[in-house]
Amino acid sequence: MIPVSRSGSSSSSFYMDQIQDSDIEFEKQLLKDPYDLKTWLAYIDHKKNETGGNLTEISVKQGTFSVLRRATNSLYGSYKLWNLYLTYRLQLIDEQIGRTNQDSNSISNSISNTNSNDIISVNFDLINDTVQEFQRAELTMNKYPKFWELYLNFIVKYKGIIKIEFILEKFDTCFQRLTILQHEIIWPIYLLFADQIEGEIAFEIWFRFFEFKSNVYKYIVINKKEMSIEKNNENETPEETSEETIIVDNDFDLILDKLTQYISNSNELKKITKIFDKILNNNEILLKFLKSEIK
């Protein structure tokens, strides 16, 4: 369904093969102006809803995929097109890998292992080609939290294929590109990843989360309160906005539970000791920790 290339680049002949007679008018318009977003969006919508002739469900999806990728090549800086393309690509990957895994499970014991290895190879190439597409998008989309949510959820989901070092590097890059206020969107993905891999890396991620919460939570709450005031001016109730500001501060007991769960050496024990010292020397953190313990 998705063209796979060992080099990560898709064959141009694949895209030319997807052009149907009903696409000619769109192709003419794009020849005149290949940077017209409205034309690309209309073309994409047309391909998604294409019917008739010898078209199958697979050919419609391939045609849509080809136009989406061409659109991102022409309008490299369009968040809307990148989001449409990457979301659609991930949908197709889930479908395609789901099918190949079913094929793998149905292989008879009498058939050579080469067949199952081929299936694994296809999955590997699909994932790595998609990582390269995300890296292509990252050049212009790296300031958008939703892009990083999509990217990081994808590489965490396929951590069995993608190197752990690469995943850790991408989380670091994400935190560098986004503002502090936007980091809260990313932390749930990072902590889920930590709990999945466990061990020393999980300890370091949860320790890093403690530092984030203890160092910047007040800054986040202040900014959320300012945003709450703006929302109140737009007729939102104080109760709704005050609830938003409380959510930030209830994680310290969970962090300690996780750190004690993953501790494995004396250096990590020293870090936990420093955490207790920090809690005891910071009245605000101590108060919030005590409140959560009482609850």
C-alpha atoms as a PDB file:
ATOM      1  CA  MET A   1       0.000   0.000   0.000  1.00  0.00           C
ATOM      2  CA  ILE A   2       2.834   2.407   0.895  1.00  0.00           C
ATOM      3  CA  PRO A   3       5.853   2.280  -1.435  1.00  0.00           C
ATOM      4  CA  VAL A   4       8.851   0.989   0.511  1.00  0.00           C
ATOM      5  CA  SER A   5      12.414   1.858  -0.367  1.00  0.00           C
ATOM      6  CA  ARG A   6      15.596   0.659   1.285  1.00  0.00           C
ATOM      7  CA  SER A   7      16.945   4.189   0.952  1.00  0.00           C
ATOM      8  CA  GLY A   8      13.809   5.716   2.468  1.00  0.00           C
ATOM      9  CA  SER A   9      12.792   7.533  -0.729  1.00  0.00           C
ATOM     10  CA  SER A  10       9.695   6.501  -2.660  1.00  0.00           C
ATOM     11  CA  SER A  11       9.784   5.846  -6.390  1.00  0.00           C
ATOM     12  CA  SER A  12       8.485   8.711  -8.570  1.00  0.00           C
ATOM     13  CA  SER A  13       6.947   6.156 -10.948  1.00  0.00           C
ATOM     14  CA  PHE A  14       4.616   5.073  -8.123  1.00  0.00           C
ATOM     15  CA  TYR A  15       3.154   8.589  -7.946  1.00  0.00           C
ATOM     16  CA  MET A  16       2.730   8.893 -11.706  1.00  0.00           C
ATOM     17  CA  ASP A  17       0.884   5.551 -11.772  1.00  0.00           C
ATOM     18  CA  GLN A  18      -1.723   6.908  -9.343  1.00  0.00           C
ATOM     19  CA  ILE A  19      -2.936   9.675 -11.686  1.00  0.00           C
ATOM     20  CA  GLN A  20      -6.406   8.935 -13.079  1.00  0.00           C
ATOM     21  CA  ASP A  21      -8.355  10.624 -15.902  1.00  0.00           C
ATOM     22  CA  SER A  22     -10.482  12.376 -13.272  1.00  0.00           C
ATOM     23  CA  ASP A  23      -7.315  13.994 -11.861  1.00  0.00           C
ATOM     24  CA  ILE A  24      -6.334  15.841 -15.040  1.00  0.00           C
ATOM     25  CA  GLU A  25      -7.992  19.159 -14.138  1.00  0.00           C
ATOM     26  CA  PHE A  26      -6.219  19.229 -10.769  1.00  0.00           C
ATOM     27  CA  GLU A  27      -2.919  18.388 -12.442  1.00  0.00           C
ATOM     28  CA  LYS A  28      -3.414  21.256 -14.924  1.00  0.00           C
ATOM     29  CA  GLN A  29      -4.110  23.714 -12.099  1.00  0.00           C
ATOM     30  CA  LEU A  30      -0.990  22.553 -10.244  1.00  0.00           C
ATOM     31  CA  LEU A  31       1.124  22.947 -13.357  1.00  0.00           C
ATOM     32  CA  LYS A  32       0.063  26.614 -13.379  1.00  0.00           C
ATOM     33  CA  ASP A  33       0.619  27.084  -9.650  1.00  0.00           C
ATOM     34  CA  PRO A  34       2.167  24.197  -7.664  1.00  0.00           C
ATOM     35  CA  TYR A  35       2.049  26.299  -4.457  1.00  0.00           C
ATOM     36  CA  ASP A  36      -1.719  26.786  -4.290  1.00  0.00           C
ATOM     37  CA  LEU A  37      -2.837  25.255  -0.975  1.00  0.00           C
ATOM     38  CA  LYS A  38      -6.539  25.303  -1.883  1.00  0.00           C
ATOM     39  CA  THR A  39      -5.890  23.269  -5.036  1.00  0.00           C
ATOM     40  CA  TRP A  40      -3.866  20.686  -3.132  1.00  0.00           C
ATOM     41  CA  LEU A  41      -6.554  20.366  -0.438  1.00  0.00           C
ATOM     42  CA  ALA A  42      -9.284  20.009  -3.059  1.00  0.00           C
ATOM     43  CA  TYR A  43      -7.178  17.409  -4.901  1.00  0.00           C
ATOM     44  CA  ILE A  44      -6.623  15.432  -1.686  1.00  0.00           C
ATOM     45  CA  ASP A  45     -10.332  15.494  -0.881  1.00  0.00           C
ATOM     46  CA  HIS A  46     -11.093  14.362  -4.442  1.00  0.00           C
ATOM     47  CA  LYS A  47      -8.690  11.404  -4.152  1.00  0.00           C
ATOM     48  CA  LYS A  48     -10.120  10.327  -0.793  1.00  0.00           C
ATOM     49  CA  ASN A  49     -13.621  10.180  -2.223  1.00  0.00           C
ATOM     50  CA  GLU A  50     -12.701   8.747  -5.631  1.00  0.00           C
ATOM     51  CA  THR A  51     -15.008   6.012  -6.909  1.00  0.00           C
ATOM     52  CA  GLY A  52     -15.854   4.136 -10.102  1.00  0.00           C
ATOM     53  CA  GLY A  53     -13.919   2.365 -12.807  1.00  0.00           C
ATOM     54  CA  ASN A  54     -11.402  -0.239 -11.657  1.00  0.00           C
ATOM     55  CA  LEU A  55     -10.671   1.560  -8.399  1.00  0.00           C
ATOM     56  CA  THR A  56     -10.319  -0.564  -5.273  1.00  0.00           C
ATOM     57  CA  GLU A  57     -10.037   0.511  -1.637  1.00  0.00           C
ATOM     58  CA  ILE A  58      -6.284  -0.010  -1.832  1.00  0.00           C
ATOM     59  CA  SER A  59      -5.874   2.003  -5.038  1.00  0.00           C
ATOM     60  CA  VAL A  60      -7.889   4.899  -3.548  1.00  0.00           C
ATOM     61  CA  LYS A  61      -5.624   4.913  -0.490  1.00  0.00           C
ATOM     62  CA  GLN A  62      -2.497   4.751  -2.653  1.00  0.00           C
ATOM     63  CA  GLY A  63      -3.770   7.626  -4.784  1.00  0.00           C
ATOM     64  CA  THR A  64      -4.537   9.745  -1.725  1.00  0.00           C
ATOM     65  CA  PHE A  65      -1.156   8.927  -0.223  1.00  0.00           C
ATOM     66  CA  SER A  66       0.686   9.920  -3.404  1.00  0.00           C
ATOM     67  CA  VAL A  67      -1.055  13.319  -3.645  1.00  0.00           C
ATOM     68  CA  LEU A  68      -0.464  14.031   0.053  1.00  0.00           C
ATOM     69  CA  ARG A  69       3.246  13.365  -0.269  1.00  0.00           C
ATOM     70  CA  ARG A  70       3.547  15.437  -3.429  1.00  0.00           C
ATOM     71  CA  ALA A  71       1.731  18.257  -1.632  1.00  0.00           C
ATOM     72  CA  THR A  72       4.280  18.286   1.211  1.00  0.00           C
ATOM     73  CA  ASN A  73       7.076  18.386  -1.363  1.00  0.00           C
ATOM     74  CA  SER A  74       5.550  21.481  -2.996  1.00  0.00           C
ATOM     75  CA  LEU A  75       4.387  23.306   0.140  1.00  0.00           C
ATOM     76  CA  TYR A  76       7.141  22.298   2.515  1.00  0.00           C
ATOM     77  CA  GLY A  77       6.136  24.763   5.223  1.00  0.00           C
ATOM     78  CA  SER A  78       2.438  23.929   5.415  1.00  0.00           C
ATOM     79  CA  TYR A  79       1.543  22.530   8.833  1.00  0.00           C
ATOM     80  CA  LYS A  80      -1.913  21.551   7.561  1.00  0.00           C
ATOM     81  CA  LEU A  81      -0.528  19.422   4.729  1.00  0.00           C
ATOM     82  CA  TRP A  82       2.139  17.802   6.886  1.00  0.00           C
ATOM     83  CA  ASN A  83      -0.423  16.926   9.547  1.00  0.00           C
ATOM     84  CA  LEU A  84      -2.759  15.416   6.934  1.00  0.00           C
ATOM     85  CA  TYR A  85       0.055  13.472   5.301  1.00  0.00           C
ATOM     86  CA  LEU A  86       1.679  12.096   8.450  1.00  0.00           C
ATOM     87  CA  THR A  87      -1.642  11.173  10.075  1.00  0.00           C
ATOM     88  CA  TYR A  88      -2.753   9.388   6.899  1.00  0.00           C
ATOM     89  CA  ARG A  89       0.590   7.632   6.567  1.00  0.00           C
ATOM     90  CA  LEU A  90       0.398   6.326  10.140  1.00  0.00           C
ATOM     91  CA  GLN A  91      -3.122   5.064   9.525  1.00  0.00           C
ATOM     92  CA  LEU A  92      -1.941   3.130   6.466  1.00  0.00           C
ATOM     93  CA  ILE A  93       1.063   1.752   8.349  1.00  0.00           C
ATOM     94  CA  ASP A  94      -1.111   0.399  11.159  1.00  0.00           C
ATOM     95  CA  GLU A  95      -3.355  -1.273   8.577  1.00  0.00           C
ATOM     96  CA  GLN A  96      -0.445  -2.643   6.568  1.00  0.00           C
ATOM     97  CA  ILE A  97       1.534  -3.959   9.533  1.00  0.00           C
ATOM     98  CA  GLY A  98      -1.635  -5.433  10.998  1.00  0.00           C
ATOM     99  CA  ARG A  99      -2.140  -7.377   7.784  1.00  0.00           C
ATOM    100  CA  THR A 100       1.470  -8.574   7.521  1.00  0.00           C
ATOM    101  CA  ASN A 101       1.429  -9.707  11.145  1.00  0.00           C
ATOM    102  CA  GLN A 102      -1.726 -11.722  10.430  1.00  0.00           C
ATOM    103  CA  ASP A 103       0.015 -13.247   7.426  1.00  0.00           C
ATOM    104  CA  SER A 104       2.996 -14.102   9.624  1.00  0.00           C
ATOM    105  CA  ASN A 105       0.783 -15.834  12.180  1.00  0.00           C
ATOM    106  CA  SER A 106      -0.906 -17.880   9.469  1.00  0.00           C
ATOM    107  CA  ILE A 107       2.312 -19.207   7.929  1.00  0.00           C
ATOM    108  CA  SER A 108       2.383 -22.997   8.068  1.00  0.00           C
ATOM    109  CA  ASN A 109       5.221 -24.793   9.832  1.00  0.00           C
ATOM    110  CA  SER A 110       5.985 -26.451   6.526  1.00  0.00           C
ATOM    111  CA  ILE A 111       6.861 -23.136   4.876  1.00  0.00           C
ATOM    112  CA  SER A 112      10.389 -21.785   4.998  1.00  0.00           C
ATOM    113  CA  ASN A 113      11.251 -19.101   7.573  1.00  0.00           C
ATOM    114  CA  THR A 114      12.202 -16.844   4.667  1.00  0.00           C
ATOM    115  CA  ASN A 115       8.559 -15.802   4.317  1.00  0.00           C
ATOM    116  CA  SER A 116       8.237 -14.605   7.910  1.00  0.00           C
ATOM    117  CA  ASN A 117      11.614 -12.857   7.638  1.00  0.00           C
ATOM    118  CA  ASP A 118      10.334 -11.027   4.556  1.00  0.00           C
ATOM    119  CA  ILE A 119       7.325  -9.838   6.541  1.00  0.00           C
ATOM    120  CA  ILE A 120       9.572  -8.589   9.369  1.00  0.00           C
ATOM    121  CA  SER A 121      11.757  -6.849   6.772  1.00  0.00           C
ATOM    122  CA  VAL A 122       8.736  -5.068   5.235  1.00  0.00           C
ATOM    123  CA  ASN A 123       7.656  -3.843   8.681  1.00  0.00           C
ATOM    124  CA  PHE A 124      11.191  -2.656   9.424  1.00  0.00           C
ATOM    125  CA  ASP A 125      11.428  -0.733   6.148  1.00  0.00           C
ATOM    126  CA  LEU A 126       7.972   0.824   6.608  1.00  0.00           C
ATOM    127  CA  ILE A 127       8.851   2.102  10.065  1.00  0.00           C
ATOM    128  CA  ASN A 128      12.256   3.426   9.088  1.00  0.00           C
ATOM    129  CA  ASP A 129      10.932   5.103   5.937  1.00  0.00           C
ATOM    130  CA  THR A 130       8.313   6.803   8.107  1.00  0.00           C
ATOM    131  CA  VAL A 131      10.942   7.965  10.608  1.00  0.00           C
ATOM    132  CA  GLN A 132      12.765   9.581   7.695  1.00  0.00           C
ATOM    133  CA  GLU A 133       9.538  11.325   6.664  1.00  0.00           C
ATOM    134  CA  PHE A 134       9.136  12.662  10.209  1.00  0.00           C
ATOM    135  CA  GLN A 135      12.725  13.902  10.096  1.00  0.00           C
ATOM    136  CA  ARG A 136      11.937  15.657   6.827  1.00  0.00           C
ATOM    137  CA  ALA A 137       8.914  17.302   8.454  1.00  0.00           C
ATOM    138  CA  GLU A 138      10.887  18.183  11.580  1.00  0.00           C
ATOM    139  CA  LEU A 139      12.922  20.763   9.658  1.00  0.00           C
ATOM    140  CA  THR A 140       9.898  23.058   9.420  1.00  0.00           C
ATOM    141  CA  MET A 141       7.372  21.631  11.919  1.00  0.00           C
ATOM    142  CA  ASN A 142       9.568  21.519  15.040  1.00  0.00           C
ATOM    143  CA  LYS A 143       7.792  24.385  16.835  1.00  0.00           C
ATOM    144  CA  TYR A 144       4.412  22.640  16.813  1.00  0.00           C
ATOM    145  CA  PRO A 145       3.519  20.513  19.891  1.00  0.00           C
ATOM    146  CA  LYS A 146       0.990  18.457  17.900  1.00  0.00           C
ATOM    147  CA  PHE A 147       3.715  17.458  15.455  1.00  0.00           C
ATOM    148  CA  TRP A 148       5.885  16.221  18.318  1.00  0.00           C
ATOM    149  CA  GLU A 149       2.963  14.352  19.885  1.00  0.00           C
ATOM    150  CA  LEU A 150       2.429  12.507  16.610  1.00  0.00           C
ATOM    151  CA  TYR A 151       6.149  11.842  16.102  1.00  0.00           C
ATOM    152  CA  LEU A 152       6.974  10.720  19.641  1.00  0.00           C
ATOM    153  CA  ASN A 153       3.892   8.529  20.008  1.00  0.00           C
ATOM    154  CA  PHE A 154       4.895   6.830  16.761  1.00  0.00           C
ATOM    155  CA  ILE A 155       8.512   6.080  17.702  1.00  0.00           C
ATOM    156  CA  VAL A 156       7.497   4.949  21.200  1.00  0.00           C
ATOM    157  CA  LYS A 157       4.886   2.628  19.700  1.00  0.00           C
ATOM    158  CA  TYR A 158       7.522   0.995  17.482  1.00  0.00           C
ATOM    159  CA  LYS A 159      10.391   1.043  19.975  1.00  0.00           C
ATOM    160  CA  GLY A 160      10.977  -2.633  19.180  1.00  0.00           C
ATOM    161  CA  ILE A 161      12.240  -1.546  15.749  1.00  0.00           C
ATOM    162  CA  ILE A 162      13.568   1.957  16.446  1.00  0.00           C
ATOM    163  CA  LYS A 163      16.713   2.303  18.561  1.00  0.00           C
ATOM    164  CA  ILE A 164      16.167   3.461  22.155  1.00  0.00           C
ATOM    165  CA  GLU A 165      19.038   5.945  21.787  1.00  0.00           C
ATOM    166  CA  PHE A 166      17.278   7.586  18.856  1.00  0.00           C
ATOM    167  CA  ILE A 167      14.015   7.863  20.817  1.00  0.00           C
ATOM    168  CA  LEU A 168      15.793   9.488  23.771  1.00  0.00           C
ATOM    169  CA  GLU A 169      17.537  11.895  21.397  1.00  0.00           C
ATOM    170  CA  LYS A 170      14.192  12.913  19.864  1.00  0.00           C
ATOM    171  CA  PHE A 171      12.657  13.645  23.257  1.00  0.00           C
ATOM    172  CA  ASP A 172      15.657  15.862  24.038  1.00  0.00           C
ATOM    173  CA  THR A 173      15.286  17.669  20.707  1.00  0.00           C
ATOM    174  CA  CYS A 174      11.573  18.153  21.340  1.00  0.00           C
ATOM    175  CA  PHE A 175      12.162  19.739  24.745  1.00  0.00           C
ATOM    176  CA  GLN A 176      14.731  22.071  23.176  1.00  0.00           C
ATOM    177  CA  ARG A 177      12.353  23.194  20.424  1.00  0.00           C
ATOM    178  CA  LEU A 178       9.210  23.733  22.516  1.00  0.00           C
ATOM    179  CA  THR A 179       8.610  26.303  25.238  1.00  0.00           C
ATOM    180  CA  ILE A 180       8.496  25.285  28.916  1.00  0.00           C
ATOM    181  CA  LEU A 181       4.708  25.672  28.959  1.00  0.00           C
ATOM    182  CA  GLN A 182       4.447  23.220  26.071  1.00  0.00           C
ATOM    183  CA  HIS A 183       6.577  20.568  27.803  1.00  0.00           C
ATOM    184  CA  GLU A 184       3.604  19.353  29.831  1.00  0.00           C
ATOM    185  CA  ILE A 185       2.035  18.056  26.622  1.00  0.00           C
ATOM    186  CA  ILE A 186       5.075  15.846  26.010  1.00  0.00           C
ATOM    187  CA  TRP A 187       5.753  14.488  29.502  1.00  0.00           C
ATOM    188  CA  PRO A 188       2.900  11.916  29.537  1.00  0.00           C
ATOM    189  CA  ILE A 189       4.393  10.306  26.396  1.00  0.00           C
ATOM    190  CA  TYR A 190       7.903  10.339  27.906  1.00  0.00           C
ATOM    191  CA  LEU A 191       6.733   8.819  31.197  1.00  0.00           C
ATOM    192  CA  LEU A 192       4.758   6.111  29.373  1.00  0.00           C
ATOM    193  CA  PHE A 193       7.944   5.278  27.466  1.00  0.00           C
ATOM    194  CA  ALA A 194       9.895   5.167  30.754  1.00  0.00           C
ATOM    195  CA  ASP A 195       7.458   2.706  32.319  1.00  0.00           C
ATOM    196  CA  GLN A 196       7.569   0.505  29.233  1.00  0.00           C
ATOM    197  CA  ILE A 197      11.369   0.149  29.131  1.00  0.00           C
ATOM    198  CA  GLU A 198      11.933   0.276  32.938  1.00  0.00           C
ATOM    199  CA  GLY A 199      15.447   0.022  34.418  1.00  0.00           C
ATOM    200  CA  GLU A 200      18.044   2.786  34.718  1.00  0.00           C
ATOM    201  CA  ILE A 201      16.661   4.801  31.806  1.00  0.00           C
ATOM    202  CA  ALA A 202      13.230   4.852  33.454  1.00  0.00           C
ATOM    203  CA  PHE A 203      14.793   6.083  36.703  1.00  0.00           C
ATOM    204  CA  GLU A 204      16.602   8.903  34.882  1.00  0.00           C
ATOM    205  CA  ILE A 205      13.431   9.986  33.068  1.00  0.00           C
ATOM    206  CA  TRP A 206      11.361  10.094  36.293  1.00  0.00           C
ATOM    207  CA  PHE A 207      14.190  11.929  38.073  1.00  0.00           C
ATOM    208  CA  ARG A 208      14.250  14.440  35.240  1.00  0.00           C
ATOM    209  CA  PHE A 209      10.473  14.803  35.617  1.00  0.00           C
ATOM    210  CA  PHE A 210      10.911  15.600  39.307  1.00  0.00           C
ATOM    211  CA  GLU A 211      13.398  18.340  38.418  1.00  0.00           C
ATOM    212  CA  PHE A 212      10.955  19.734  35.874  1.00  0.00           C
ATOM    213  CA  LYS A 213       8.066  19.792  38.354  1.00  0.00           C
ATOM    214  CA  SER A 214      10.070  21.148  41.262  1.00  0.00           C
ATOM    215  CA  ASN A 215      11.843  23.854  39.260  1.00  0.00           C
ATOM    216  CA  VAL A 216       9.162  25.173  36.921  1.00  0.00           C
ATOM    217  CA  TYR A 217       5.756  24.157  38.304  1.00  0.00           C
ATOM    218  CA  LYS A 218       5.212  27.581  39.925  1.00  0.00           C
ATOM    219  CA  TYR A 219       6.010  29.286  36.630  1.00  0.00           C
ATOM    220  CA  ILE A 220       3.498  27.031  34.856  1.00  0.00           C
ATOM    221  CA  VAL A 221       0.783  27.675  37.446  1.00  0.00           C
ATOM    222  CA  ILE A 222       1.293  31.450  37.245  1.00  0.00           C
ATOM    223  CA  ASN A 223       1.013  31.366  33.472  1.00  0.00           C
ATOM    224  CA  LYS A 224      -2.055  29.123  33.627  1.00  0.00           C
ATOM    225  CA  LYS A 225      -3.665  31.560  36.060  1.00  0.00           C
ATOM    226  CA  GLU A 226      -2.988  34.397  33.638  1.00  0.00           C
ATOM    227  CA  MET A 227      -4.563  32.353  30.847  1.00  0.00           C
ATOM    228  CA  SER A 228      -7.477  31.574  33.171  1.00  0.00           C
ATOM    229  CA  ILE A 229      -8.102  35.288  33.691  1.00  0.00           C
ATOM    230  CA  GLU A 230      -8.238  35.746  29.925  1.00  0.00           C
ATOM    231  CA  LYS A 231     -10.686  32.833  29.637  1.00  0.00           C
ATOM    232  CA  ASN A 232     -12.820  34.262  32.449  1.00  0.00           C
ATOM    233  CA  ASN A 233     -13.093  37.439  30.446  1.00  0.00           C
ATOM    234  CA  GLU A 234     -14.590  35.225  27.741  1.00  0.00           C
ATOM    235  CA  ASN A 235     -17.365  34.111  30.152  1.00  0.00           C
ATOM    236  CA  GLU A 236     -15.754  30.896  31.456  1.00  0.00           C
ATOM    237  CA  THR A 237     -16.491  30.127  35.111  1.00  0.00           C
ATOM    238  CA  PRO A 238     -13.730  30.468  37.769  1.00  0.00           C
ATOM    239  CA  GLU A 239     -14.368  26.879  38.873  1.00  0.00           C
ATOM    240  CA  GLU A 240     -13.491  25.532  35.421  1.00  0.00           C
ATOM    241  CA  THR A 241     -10.214  27.424  35.199  1.00  0.00           C
ATOM    242  CA  SER A 242      -9.077  26.859  38.802  1.00  0.00           C
ATOM    243  CA  GLU A 243      -9.308  23.102  38.193  1.00  0.00           C
ATOM    244  CA  GLU A 244      -6.852  23.477  35.316  1.00  0.00           C
ATOM    245  CA  THR A 245      -4.245  25.107  37.568  1.00  0.00           C
ATOM    246  CA  ILE A 246      -4.437  22.435  40.289  1.00  0.00           C
ATOM    247  CA  ILE A 247      -3.660  19.511  37.983  1.00  0.00           C
ATOM    248  CA  VAL A 248      -0.027  20.634  37.661  1.00  0.00           C
ATOM    249  CA  ASP A 249       0.875  20.073  41.312  1.00  0.00           C
ATOM    250  CA  ASN A 250      -0.227  16.554  42.249  1.00  0.00           C
ATOM    251  CA  ASP A 251       2.628  14.393  40.922  1.00  0.00           C
ATOM    252  CA  PHE A 252       5.310  14.368  43.643  1.00  0.00           C
ATOM    253  CA  ASP A 253       4.084  11.261  45.482  1.00  0.00           C
ATOM    254  CA  LEU A 254       3.803   9.377  42.155  1.00  0.00           C
ATOM    255  CA  ILE A 255       7.336  10.451  41.207  1.00  0.00           C
ATOM    256  CA  LEU A 256       8.756   9.105  44.474  1.00  0.00           C
ATOM    257  CA  ASP A 257       6.878   5.832  44.027  1.00  0.00           C
ATOM    258  CA  LYS A 258       8.309   5.421  40.527  1.00  0.00           C
ATOM    259  CA  LEU A 259      11.859   6.317  41.549  1.00  0.00           C
ATOM    260  CA  THR A 260      11.868   3.822  44.408  1.00  0.00           C
ATOM    261  CA  GLN A 261      10.450   1.226  42.017  1.00  0.00           C
ATOM    262  CA  TYR A 262      13.271   1.703  39.486  1.00  0.00           C
ATOM    263  CA  ILE A 263      16.214   2.295  41.821  1.00  0.00           C
ATOM    264  CA  SER A 264      19.044  -0.153  41.139  1.00  0.00           C
ATOM    265  CA  ASN A 265      22.361   1.329  42.322  1.00  0.00           C
ATOM    266  CA  SER A 266      24.007   3.603  44.885  1.00  0.00           C
ATOM    267  CA  ASN A 267      24.187   6.609  42.553  1.00  0.00           C
ATOM    268  CA  GLU A 268      20.417   6.520  42.110  1.00  0.00           C
ATOM    269  CA  LEU A 269      20.006   6.229  45.893  1.00  0.00           C
ATOM    270  CA  LYS A 270      22.035   9.434  46.269  1.00  0.00           C
ATOM    271  CA  LYS A 271      19.700  11.173  43.816  1.00  0.00           C
ATOM    272  CA  ILE A 272      16.647  10.109  45.834  1.00  0.00           C
ATOM    273  CA  THR A 273      18.338  11.481  48.972  1.00  0.00           C
ATOM    274  CA  LYS A 274      18.766  14.811  47.181  1.00  0.00           C
ATOM    275  CA  ILE A 275      15.067  14.747  46.278  1.00  0.00           C
ATOM    276  CA  PHE A 276      14.074  14.316  49.924  1.00  0.00           C
ATOM    277  CA  ASP A 277      16.409  17.165  50.886  1.00  0.00           C
ATOM    278  CA  LYS A 278      14.823  19.366  48.233  1.00  0.00           C
ATOM    279  CA  ILE A 279      11.301  18.505  49.392  1.00  0.00           C
ATOM    280  CA  LEU A 280      12.143  19.197  53.045  1.00  0.00           C
ATOM    281  CA  ASN A 281      13.787  22.522  52.179  1.00  0.00           C
ATOM    282  CA  ASN A 282      10.954  23.746  49.945  1.00  0.00           C
ATOM    283  CA  ASN A 283       7.818  24.546  51.894  1.00  0.00           C
ATOM    284  CA  GLU A 284       5.581  24.756  48.845  1.00  0.00           C
ATOM    285  CA  ILE A 285       6.625  21.353  47.486  1.00  0.00           C
ATOM    286  CA  LEU A 286       6.474  19.821  50.964  1.00  0.00           C
ATOM    287  CA  LEU A 287       2.968  21.167  51.521  1.00  0.00           C
ATOM    288  CA  LYS A 288       1.722  19.762  48.236  1.00  0.00           C
ATOM    289  CA  PHE A 289       3.362  16.432  48.917  1.00  0.00           C
ATOM    290  CA  LEU A 290       1.818  16.235  52.399  1.00  0.00           C
ATOM    291  CA  LYS A 291      -1.625  17.151  51.066  1.00  0.00           C
ATOM    292  CA  SER A 292      -1.480  14.346  48.511  1.00  0.00           C
ATOM    293  CA  GLU A 293      -0.353  11.891  51.221  1.00  0.00           C
ATOM    294  CA  ILE A 294      -3.258  12.906  53.480  1.00  0.00           C
ATOM    295  CA  LYS A 295      -5.698  12.346  50.613  1.00  0.00           C
END
